[in-house]
Amino acid sequence: MSDMFLEIIELDDGQIALRRADSTDEPIMRISFSDDVKQQLDDECIDVAKVMLTAGIHMISDLSVKASEKANKQTPRLDTDLENDVDFENEDRIIH
């Protein structure tokens, strides 16, 4: 498997994004700060975004490893009606 090189960029609208270094396609992840937070962080927005993006990359990697391990064990998946009935894409998720 070839290595994927990523780059952190600042978009025209001020968002900070992560994308493949060899592509101009849609970014993989985006971070946007409110004007108040930008003012509080001053020039540190990029550094804060780097930490956030790095944490996201590590989490995705960990989830990928777990999914691979689970697939290798070939454990049967229990489907629930809840997964099929709830439309999470059209609602904000509250995480706290």
PDB file of N, CA and C in Angstrom:
ATOM      1  N   MET A   1       0.840  -1.177   0.000  1.00  0.00           N
ATOM      2  CA  MET A   1       0.000   0.000   0.000  1.00  0.00           C
ATOM      3  C   MET A   1       0.887   1.242   0.000  1.00  0.00           C
ATOM      4  N   SER A   2       0.572   2.190  -0.834  1.00  0.00           N
ATOM      5  CA  SER A   2       1.391   3.398  -0.926  1.00  0.00           C
ATOM      6  C   SER A   2       1.039   4.369   0.202  1.00  0.00           C
ATOM      7  N   ASP A   3       1.999   5.181   0.562  1.00  0.00           N
ATOM      8  CA  ASP A   3       1.780   6.176   1.611  1.00  0.00           C
ATOM      9  C   ASP A   3       0.907   7.292   1.084  1.00  0.00           C
ATOM     10  N   MET A   4       0.068   7.842   1.961  1.00  0.00           N
ATOM     11  CA  MET A   4      -0.745   8.985   1.599  1.00  0.00           C
ATOM     12  C   MET A   4      -0.144  10.196   2.298  1.00  0.00           C
ATOM     13  N   PHE A   5       0.259  11.174   1.535  1.00  0.00           N
ATOM     14  CA  PHE A   5       0.807  12.398   2.110  1.00  0.00           C
ATOM     15  C   PHE A   5      -0.301  13.430   2.186  1.00  0.00           C
ATOM     16  N   LEU A   6      -0.415  14.045   3.350  1.00  0.00           N
ATOM     17  CA  LEU A   6      -1.463  15.018   3.598  1.00  0.00           C
ATOM     18  C   LEU A   6      -0.858  16.385   3.835  1.00  0.00           C
ATOM     19  N   GLU A   7      -1.654  17.411   3.555  1.00  0.00           N
ATOM     20  CA  GLU A   7      -1.208  18.771   3.821  1.00  0.00           C
ATOM     21  C   GLU A   7      -2.338  19.561   4.464  1.00  0.00           C
ATOM     22  N   ILE A   8      -1.957  20.488   5.312  1.00  0.00           N
ATOM     23  CA  ILE A   8      -2.912  21.378   5.942  1.00  0.00           C
ATOM     24  C   ILE A   8      -2.870  22.695   5.183  1.00  0.00           C
ATOM     25  N   ILE A   9      -4.046  23.141   4.781  1.00  0.00           N
ATOM     26  CA  ILE A   9      -4.136  24.368   3.988  1.00  0.00           C
ATOM     27  C   ILE A   9      -5.161  25.310   4.603  1.00  0.00           C
ATOM     28  N   GLU A  10      -5.028  26.584   4.279  1.00  0.00           N
ATOM     29  CA  GLU A  10      -6.058  27.545   4.654  1.00  0.00           C
ATOM     30  C   GLU A  10      -6.845  27.881   3.395  1.00  0.00           C
ATOM     31  N   LEU A  11      -8.153  27.695   3.459  1.00  0.00           N
ATOM     32  CA  LEU A  11      -9.024  27.954   2.319  1.00  0.00           C
ATOM     33  C   LEU A  11      -9.335  29.441   2.203  1.00  0.00           C
ATOM     34  N   ASP A  12      -9.845  29.833   1.059  1.00  0.00           N
ATOM     35  CA  ASP A  12     -10.173  31.237   0.814  1.00  0.00           C
ATOM     36  C   ASP A  12     -11.148  31.809   1.846  1.00  0.00           C
ATOM     37  N   ASP A  13     -12.036  30.947   2.371  1.00  0.00           N
ATOM     38  CA  ASP A  13     -13.038  31.420   3.327  1.00  0.00           C
ATOM     39  C   ASP A  13     -12.527  31.411   4.773  1.00  0.00           C
ATOM     40  N   GLY A  14     -11.232  31.119   4.966  1.00  0.00           N
ATOM     41  CA  GLY A  14     -10.638  31.145   6.293  1.00  0.00           C
ATOM     42  C   GLY A  14     -10.658  29.814   7.018  1.00  0.00           C
ATOM     43  N   GLN A  15     -11.351  28.831   6.462  1.00  0.00           N
ATOM     44  CA  GLN A  15     -11.345  27.508   7.076  1.00  0.00           C
ATOM     45  C   GLN A  15      -9.975  26.871   6.908  1.00  0.00           C
ATOM     46  N   ILE A  16      -9.639  25.999   7.838  1.00  0.00           N
ATOM     47  CA  ILE A  16      -8.387  25.266   7.753  1.00  0.00           C
ATOM     48  C   ILE A  16      -8.763  23.843   7.388  1.00  0.00           C
ATOM     49  N   ALA A  17      -8.072  23.279   6.410  1.00  0.00           N
ATOM     50  CA  ALA A  17      -8.483  21.988   5.873  1.00  0.00           C
ATOM     51  C   ALA A  17      -7.303  21.044   5.725  1.00  0.00           C
ATOM     52  N   LEU A  18      -7.638  19.786   5.681  1.00  0.00           N
ATOM     53  CA  LEU A  18      -6.673  18.721   5.451  1.00  0.00           C
ATOM     54  C   LEU A  18      -7.035  18.079   4.127  1.00  0.00           C
ATOM     55  N   ARG A  19      -6.042  17.930   3.266  1.00  0.00           N
ATOM     56  CA  ARG A  19      -6.299  17.269   1.981  1.00  0.00           C
ATOM     57  C   ARG A  19      -5.074  16.466   1.573  1.00  0.00           C
ATOM     58  N   ARG A  20      -5.269  15.621   0.584  1.00  0.00           N
ATOM     59  CA  ARG A  20      -4.155  14.866   0.027  1.00  0.00           C
ATOM     60  C   ARG A  20      -3.203  15.858  -0.630  1.00  0.00           C
ATOM     61  N   ALA A  21      -1.914  15.670  -0.406  1.00  0.00           N
ATOM     62  CA  ALA A  21      -0.920  16.605  -0.939  1.00  0.00           C
ATOM     63  C   ALA A  21      -0.866  16.570  -2.457  1.00  0.00           C
ATOM     64  N   ASP A  22      -1.211  15.446  -3.049  1.00  0.00           N
ATOM     65  CA  ASP A  22      -1.112  15.295  -4.493  1.00  0.00           C
ATOM     66  C   ASP A  22      -2.434  15.587  -5.205  1.00  0.00           C
ATOM     67  N   SER A  23      -3.329  16.317  -4.538  1.00  0.00           N
ATOM     68  CA  SER A  23      -4.654  16.524  -5.107  1.00  0.00           C
ATOM     69  C   SER A  23      -5.173  17.920  -4.789  1.00  0.00           C
ATOM     70  N   THR A  24      -6.071  18.389  -5.627  1.00  0.00           N
ATOM     71  CA  THR A  24      -6.785  19.634  -5.342  1.00  0.00           C
ATOM     72  C   THR A  24      -8.264  19.327  -5.125  1.00  0.00           C
ATOM     73  N   ASP A  25      -8.580  18.046  -4.884  1.00  0.00           N
ATOM     74  CA  ASP A  25      -9.952  17.628  -4.634  1.00  0.00           C
ATOM     75  C   ASP A  25     -10.477  18.215  -3.332  1.00  0.00           C
ATOM     76  N   GLU A  26     -11.730  17.920  -3.050  1.00  0.00           N
ATOM     77  CA  GLU A  26     -12.379  18.333  -1.815  1.00  0.00           C
ATOM     78  C   GLU A  26     -11.539  17.895  -0.617  1.00  0.00           C
ATOM     79  N   PRO A  27     -11.344  18.776   0.357  1.00  0.00           N
ATOM     80  CA  PRO A  27     -10.565  18.398   1.547  1.00  0.00           C
ATOM     81  C   PRO A  27     -11.181  17.220   2.291  1.00  0.00           C
ATOM     82  N   ILE A  28     -10.335  16.482   2.976  1.00  0.00           N
ATOM     83  CA  ILE A  28     -10.775  15.342   3.766  1.00  0.00           C
ATOM     84  C   ILE A  28     -11.491  15.824   5.028  1.00  0.00           C
ATOM     85  N   MET A  29     -10.934  16.838   5.681  1.00  0.00           N
ATOM     86  CA  MET A  29     -11.516  17.423   6.892  1.00  0.00           C
ATOM     87  C   MET A  29     -11.378  18.936   6.818  1.00  0.00           C
ATOM     88  N   ARG A  30     -12.311  19.615   7.477  1.00  0.00           N
ATOM     89  CA  ARG A  30     -12.269  21.078   7.571  1.00  0.00           C
ATOM     90  C   ARG A  30     -12.498  21.506   9.010  1.00  0.00           C
ATOM     91  N   ILE A  31     -11.845  22.581   9.375  1.00  0.00           N
ATOM     92  CA  ILE A  31     -12.063  23.181  10.694  1.00  0.00           C
ATOM     93  C   ILE A  31     -12.357  24.653  10.475  1.00  0.00           C
ATOM     94  N   SER A  32     -13.395  25.108  11.136  1.00  0.00           N
ATOM     95  CA  SER A  32     -13.743  26.512  11.023  1.00  0.00           C
ATOM     96  C   SER A  32     -13.928  27.088  12.419  1.00  0.00           C
ATOM     97  N   PHE A  33     -13.319  28.226  12.645  1.00  0.00           N
ATOM     98  CA  PHE A  33     -13.405  28.912  13.932  1.00  0.00           C
ATOM     99  C   PHE A  33     -14.312  30.124  13.783  1.00  0.00           C
ATOM    100  N   SER A  34     -15.079  30.405  14.822  1.00  0.00           N
ATOM    101  CA  SER A  34     -15.898  31.615  14.801  1.00  0.00           C
ATOM    102  C   SER A  34     -14.974  32.832  14.865  1.00  0.00           C
ATOM    103  N   ASP A  35     -15.514  33.983  14.521  1.00  0.00           N
ATOM    104  CA  ASP A  35     -14.716  35.213  14.570  1.00  0.00           C
ATOM    105  C   ASP A  35     -14.217  35.497  15.989  1.00  0.00           C
ATOM    106  N   ASP A  36     -15.061  35.202  16.987  1.00  0.00           N
ATOM    107  CA  ASP A  36     -14.646  35.419  18.383  1.00  0.00           C
ATOM    108  C   ASP A  36     -13.448  34.546  18.749  1.00  0.00           C
ATOM    109  N   VAL A  37     -13.495  33.279  18.352  1.00  0.00           N
ATOM    110  CA  VAL A  37     -12.393  32.370  18.663  1.00  0.00           C
ATOM    111  C   VAL A  37     -11.136  32.782  17.904  1.00  0.00           C
ATOM    112  N   LYS A  38     -11.303  33.178  16.653  1.00  0.00           N
ATOM    113  CA  LYS A  38     -10.144  33.646  15.879  1.00  0.00           C
ATOM    114  C   LYS A  38      -9.473  34.822  16.572  1.00  0.00           C
ATOM    115  N   GLN A  39     -10.289  35.710  17.098  1.00  0.00           N
ATOM    116  CA  GLN A  39      -9.758  36.882  17.791  1.00  0.00           C
ATOM    117  C   GLN A  39      -9.022  36.472  19.077  1.00  0.00           C
ATOM    118  N   GLN A  40      -9.603  35.533  19.809  1.00  0.00           N
ATOM    119  CA  GLN A  40      -8.975  35.070  21.053  1.00  0.00           C
ATOM    120  C   GLN A  40      -7.668  34.334  20.784  1.00  0.00           C
ATOM    121  N   LEU A  41      -7.662  33.523  19.728  1.00  0.00           N
ATOM    122  CA  LEU A  41      -6.473  32.722  19.426  1.00  0.00           C
ATOM    123  C   LEU A  41      -5.397  33.508  18.693  1.00  0.00           C
ATOM    124  N   ASP A  42      -5.786  34.632  18.122  1.00  0.00           N
ATOM    125  CA  ASP A  42      -4.855  35.473  17.385  1.00  0.00           C
ATOM    126  C   ASP A  42      -4.178  34.652  16.292  1.00  0.00           C
ATOM    127  N   ASP A  43      -2.877  34.533  16.317  1.00  0.00           N
ATOM    128  CA  ASP A  43      -2.154  33.802  15.272  1.00  0.00           C
ATOM    129  C   ASP A  43      -2.036  32.310  15.557  1.00  0.00           C
ATOM    130  N   GLU A  44      -2.660  31.831  16.615  1.00  0.00           N
ATOM    131  CA  GLU A  44      -2.528  30.431  17.017  1.00  0.00           C
ATOM    132  C   GLU A  44      -3.583  29.525  16.378  1.00  0.00           C
ATOM    133  N   CYS A  45      -4.484  30.056  15.568  1.00  0.00           N
ATOM    134  CA  CYS A  45      -5.535  29.235  14.945  1.00  0.00           C
ATOM    135  C   CYS A  45      -4.946  28.060  14.171  1.00  0.00           C
ATOM    136  N   ILE A  46      -3.907  28.306  13.414  1.00  0.00           N
ATOM    137  CA  ILE A  46      -3.292  27.244  12.618  1.00  0.00           C
ATOM    138  C   ILE A  46      -2.753  26.146  13.522  1.00  0.00           C
ATOM    139  N   ASP A  47      -2.084  26.527  14.611  1.00  0.00           N
ATOM    140  CA  ASP A  47      -1.529  25.527  15.527  1.00  0.00           C
ATOM    141  C   ASP A  47      -2.627  24.711  16.203  1.00  0.00           C
ATOM    142  N   VAL A  48      -3.701  25.369  16.613  1.00  0.00           N
ATOM    143  CA  VAL A  48      -4.817  24.654  17.229  1.00  0.00           C
ATOM    144  C   VAL A  48      -5.445  23.699  16.202  1.00  0.00           C
ATOM    145  N   ALA A  49      -5.614  24.166  14.991  1.00  0.00           N
ATOM    146  CA  ALA A  49      -6.184  23.316  13.937  1.00  0.00           C
ATOM    147  C   ALA A  49      -5.287  22.115  13.652  1.00  0.00           C
ATOM    148  N   LYS A  50      -3.970  22.307  13.659  1.00  0.00           N
ATOM    149  CA  LYS A  50      -3.048  21.186  13.439  1.00  0.00           C
ATOM    150  C   LYS A  50      -3.247  20.101  14.491  1.00  0.00           C
ATOM    151  N   VAL A  51      -3.366  20.519  15.738  1.00  0.00           N
ATOM    152  CA  VAL A  51      -3.569  19.556  16.826  1.00  0.00           C
ATOM    153  C   VAL A  51      -4.899  18.824  16.632  1.00  0.00           C
ATOM    154  N   MET A  52      -5.943  19.566  16.279  1.00  0.00           N
ATOM    155  CA  MET A  52      -7.252  18.961  16.073  1.00  0.00           C
ATOM    156  C   MET A  52      -7.232  17.978  14.903  1.00  0.00           C
ATOM    157  N   LEU A  53      -6.605  18.370  13.804  1.00  0.00           N
ATOM    158  CA  LEU A  53      -6.528  17.493  12.634  1.00  0.00           C
ATOM    159  C   LEU A  53      -5.686  16.253  12.927  1.00  0.00           C
ATOM    160  N   THR A  54      -4.600  16.426  13.646  1.00  0.00           N
ATOM    161  CA  THR A  54      -3.752  15.292  14.008  1.00  0.00           C
ATOM    162  C   THR A  54      -4.541  14.301  14.871  1.00  0.00           C
ATOM    163  N   ALA A  55      -5.300  14.815  15.825  1.00  0.00           N
ATOM    164  CA  ALA A  55      -6.128  13.942  16.663  1.00  0.00           C
ATOM    165  C   ALA A  55      -7.155  13.199  15.811  1.00  0.00           C
ATOM    166  N   GLY A  56      -7.741  13.885  14.851  1.00  0.00           N
ATOM    167  CA  GLY A  56      -8.707  13.242  13.953  1.00  0.00           C
ATOM    168  C   GLY A  56      -8.077  12.141  13.122  1.00  0.00           C
ATOM    169  N   ILE A  57      -6.877  12.380  12.621  1.00  0.00           N
ATOM    170  CA  ILE A  57      -6.168  11.376  11.830  1.00  0.00           C
ATOM    171  C   ILE A  57      -5.874  10.141  12.680  1.00  0.00           C
ATOM    172  N   HIS A  58      -5.407  10.364  13.905  1.00  0.00           N
ATOM    173  CA  HIS A  58      -5.118   9.237  14.801  1.00  0.00           C
ATOM    174  C   HIS A  58      -6.389   8.440  15.112  1.00  0.00           C
ATOM    175  N   MET A  59      -7.488   9.132  15.335  1.00  0.00           N
ATOM    176  CA  MET A  59      -8.747   8.458  15.636  1.00  0.00           C
ATOM    177  C   MET A  59      -9.211   7.630  14.444  1.00  0.00           C
ATOM    178  N   ILE A  60      -9.125   8.179  13.250  1.00  0.00           N
ATOM    179  CA  ILE A  60      -9.514   7.443  12.044  1.00  0.00           C
ATOM    180  C   ILE A  60      -8.635   6.214  11.876  1.00  0.00           C
ATOM    181  N   SER A  61      -7.349   6.365  12.112  1.00  0.00           N
ATOM    182  CA  SER A  61      -6.424   5.243  12.010  1.00  0.00           C
ATOM    183  C   SER A  61      -6.775   4.148  13.017  1.00  0.00           C
ATOM    184  N   ASP A  62      -7.043   4.546  14.263  1.00  0.00           N
ATOM    185  CA  ASP A  62      -7.411   3.579  15.302  1.00  0.00           C
ATOM    186  C   ASP A  62      -8.701   2.847  14.939  1.00  0.00           C
ATOM    187  N   LEU A  63      -9.695   3.586  14.445  1.00  0.00           N
ATOM    188  CA  LEU A  63     -10.956   2.966  14.046  1.00  0.00           C
ATOM    189  C   LEU A  63     -10.755   1.996  12.892  1.00  0.00           C
ATOM    190  N   SER A  64      -9.877   2.355  11.976  1.00  0.00           N
ATOM    191  CA  SER A  64      -9.590   1.481  10.838  1.00  0.00           C
ATOM    192  C   SER A  64      -8.945   0.177  11.291  1.00  0.00           C
ATOM    193  N   VAL A  65      -8.011   0.283  12.229  1.00  0.00           N
ATOM    194  CA  VAL A  65      -7.350  -0.913  12.764  1.00  0.00           C
ATOM    195  C   VAL A  65      -8.369  -1.793  13.480  1.00  0.00           C
ATOM    196  N   LYS A  66      -9.225  -1.188  14.307  1.00  0.00           N
ATOM    197  CA  LYS A  66     -10.239  -1.957  15.024  1.00  0.00           C
ATOM    198  C   LYS A  66     -11.200  -2.649  14.058  1.00  0.00           C
ATOM    199  N   ALA A  67     -11.606  -1.938  13.013  1.00  0.00           N
ATOM    200  CA  ALA A  67     -12.521  -2.526  12.028  1.00  0.00           C
ATOM    201  C   ALA A  67     -11.855  -3.691  11.307  1.00  0.00           C
ATOM    202  N   SER A  68     -10.590  -3.534  11.006  1.00  0.00           N
ATOM    203  CA  SER A  68      -9.845  -4.604  10.343  1.00  0.00           C
ATOM    204  C   SER A  68      -9.729  -5.821  11.251  1.00  0.00           C
ATOM    205  N   GLU A  69      -9.428  -5.586  12.514  1.00  0.00           N
ATOM    206  CA  GLU A  69      -9.322  -6.685  13.471  1.00  0.00           C
ATOM    207  C   GLU A  69     -10.664  -7.387  13.635  1.00  0.00           C
ATOM    208  N   LYS A  70     -11.717  -6.614  13.682  1.00  0.00           N
ATOM    209  CA  LYS A  70     -13.053  -7.177  13.831  1.00  0.00           C
ATOM    210  C   LYS A  70     -13.422  -8.012  12.604  1.00  0.00           C
ATOM    211  N   ALA A  71     -13.088  -7.514  11.416  1.00  0.00           N
ATOM    212  CA  ALA A  71     -13.382  -8.245  10.187  1.00  0.00           C
ATOM    213  C   ALA A  71     -12.587  -9.541  10.126  1.00  0.00           C
ATOM    214  N   ASN A  72     -11.364  -9.509  10.607  1.00  0.00           N
ATOM    215  CA  ASN A  72     -10.534 -10.714  10.605  1.00  0.00           C
ATOM    216  C   ASN A  72     -11.066 -11.777  11.559  1.00  0.00           C
ATOM    217  N   LYS A  73     -11.709 -11.351  12.638  1.00  0.00           N
ATOM    218  CA  LYS A  73     -12.292 -12.301  13.581  1.00  0.00           C
ATOM    219  C   LYS A  73     -13.591 -12.882  13.031  1.00  0.00           C
ATOM    220  N   GLN A  74     -14.156 -12.220  12.034  1.00  0.00           N
ATOM    221  CA  GLN A  74     -15.401 -12.618  11.384  1.00  0.00           C
ATOM    222  C   GLN A  74     -16.529 -12.810  12.390  1.00  0.00           C
ATOM    223  N   THR A  75     -16.659 -11.846  13.278  1.00  0.00           N
ATOM    224  CA  THR A  75     -17.759 -11.904  14.225  1.00  0.00           C
ATOM    225  C   THR A  75     -19.033 -11.494  13.524  1.00  0.00           C
ATOM    226  N   PRO A  76     -20.125 -12.205  13.789  1.00  0.00           N
ATOM    227  CA  PRO A  76     -21.380 -11.833  13.134  1.00  0.00           C
ATOM    228  C   PRO A  76     -21.857 -10.475  13.623  1.00  0.00           C
ATOM    229  N   ARG A  77     -22.388  -9.699  12.712  1.00  0.00           N
ATOM    230  CA  ARG A  77     -22.866  -8.356  13.042  1.00  0.00           C
ATOM    231  C   ARG A  77     -24.348  -8.424  13.367  1.00  0.00           C
ATOM    232  N   LEU A  78     -24.713  -7.837  14.465  1.00  0.00           N
ATOM    233  CA  LEU A  78     -26.112  -7.780  14.846  1.00  0.00           C
ATOM    234  C   LEU A  78     -26.703  -6.475  14.344  1.00  0.00           C
ATOM    235  N   ASP A  79     -27.587  -6.564  13.360  1.00  0.00           N
ATOM    236  CA  ASP A  79     -28.240  -5.367  12.840  1.00  0.00           C
ATOM    237  C   ASP A  79     -29.371  -4.981  13.769  1.00  0.00           C
ATOM    238  N   THR A  80     -29.544  -3.705  13.937  1.00  0.00           N
ATOM    239  CA  THR A  80     -30.659  -3.239  14.749  1.00  0.00           C
ATOM    240  C   THR A  80     -31.555  -2.373  13.894  1.00  0.00           C
ATOM    241  N   ASP A  81     -32.828  -2.359  14.243  1.00  0.00           N
ATOM    242  CA  ASP A  81     -33.776  -1.522  13.512  1.00  0.00           C
ATOM    243  C   ASP A  81     -33.446  -0.055  13.704  1.00  0.00           C
ATOM    244  N   LEU A  82     -32.843   0.300  14.836  1.00  0.00           N
ATOM    245  CA  LEU A  82     -32.508   1.694  15.117  1.00  0.00           C
ATOM    246  C   LEU A  82     -31.579   2.270  14.071  1.00  0.00           C
ATOM    247  N   GLU A  83     -30.589   1.490  13.646  1.00  0.00           N
ATOM    248  CA  GLU A  83     -29.634   1.981  12.645  1.00  0.00           C
ATOM    249  C   GLU A  83     -30.336   2.352  11.351  1.00  0.00           C
ATOM    250  N   ASN A  84     -31.360   1.601  10.993  1.00  0.00           N
ATOM    251  CA  ASN A  84     -32.038   1.821   9.723  1.00  0.00           C
ATOM    252  C   ASN A  84     -33.102   2.897   9.808  1.00  0.00           C
ATOM    253  N   ASP A  85     -33.632   3.164  11.019  1.00  0.00           N
ATOM    254  CA  ASP A  85     -34.728   4.109  11.162  1.00  0.00           C
ATOM    255  C   ASP A  85     -34.292   5.533  11.434  1.00  0.00           C
ATOM    256  N   VAL A  86     -33.124   5.731  12.004  1.00  0.00           N
ATOM    257  CA  VAL A  86     -32.684   7.060  12.391  1.00  0.00           C
ATOM    258  C   VAL A  86     -31.849   7.674  11.282  1.00  0.00           C
ATOM    259  N   ASP A  87     -32.179   8.904  10.914  1.00  0.00           N
ATOM    260  CA  ASP A  87     -31.446   9.621   9.876  1.00  0.00           C
ATOM    261  C   ASP A  87     -30.496  10.608  10.547  1.00  0.00           C
ATOM    262  N   PHE A  88     -29.264  10.154  10.852  1.00  0.00           N
ATOM    263  CA  PHE A  88     -28.300  10.991  11.547  1.00  0.00           C
ATOM    264  C   PHE A  88     -27.703  12.059  10.648  1.00  0.00           C
ATOM    265  N   GLU A  89     -27.754  11.883   9.356  1.00  0.00           N
ATOM    266  CA  GLU A  89     -27.103  12.835   8.452  1.00  0.00           C
ATOM    267  C   GLU A  89     -27.805  14.181   8.433  1.00  0.00           C
ATOM    268  N   ASN A  90     -29.093  14.215   8.737  1.00  0.00           N
ATOM    269  CA  ASN A  90     -29.836  15.461   8.650  1.00  0.00           C
ATOM    270  C   ASN A  90     -30.047  16.124   9.997  1.00  0.00           C
ATOM    271  N   GLU A  91     -29.382  15.618  11.034  1.00  0.00           N
ATOM    272  CA  GLU A  91     -29.505  16.205  12.355  1.00  0.00           C
ATOM    273  C   GLU A  91     -28.126  16.494  12.919  1.00  0.00           C
ATOM    274  N   ASP A  92     -28.010  17.569  13.713  1.00  0.00           N
ATOM    275  CA  ASP A  92     -26.766  17.841  14.416  1.00  0.00           C
ATOM    276  C   ASP A  92     -26.607  16.814  15.521  1.00  0.00           C
ATOM    277  N   ARG A  93     -25.394  16.303  15.674  1.00  0.00           N
ATOM    278  CA  ARG A  93     -25.119  15.393  16.769  1.00  0.00           C
ATOM    279  C   ARG A  93     -24.558  16.198  17.924  1.00  0.00           C
ATOM    280  N   ILE A  94     -25.095  16.006  19.097  1.00  0.00           N
ATOM    281  CA  ILE A  94     -24.592  16.679  20.283  1.00  0.00           C
ATOM    282  C   ILE A  94     -23.627  15.722  20.972  1.00  0.00           C
ATOM    283  N   ILE A  95     -22.391  16.145  21.098  1.00  0.00           N
ATOM    284  CA  ILE A  95     -21.367  15.296  21.683  1.00  0.00           C
ATOM    285  C   ILE A  95     -20.797  16.018  22.893  1.00  0.00           C
ATOM    286  N   HIS A  96     -20.985  15.423  24.049  1.00  0.00           N
ATOM    287  CA  HIS A  96     -20.424  16.017  25.274  1.00  0.00           C
ATOM    288  C   HIS A  96     -20.265  14.977  26.335  1.00  0.00           C
TER     289      HIS A  96
END
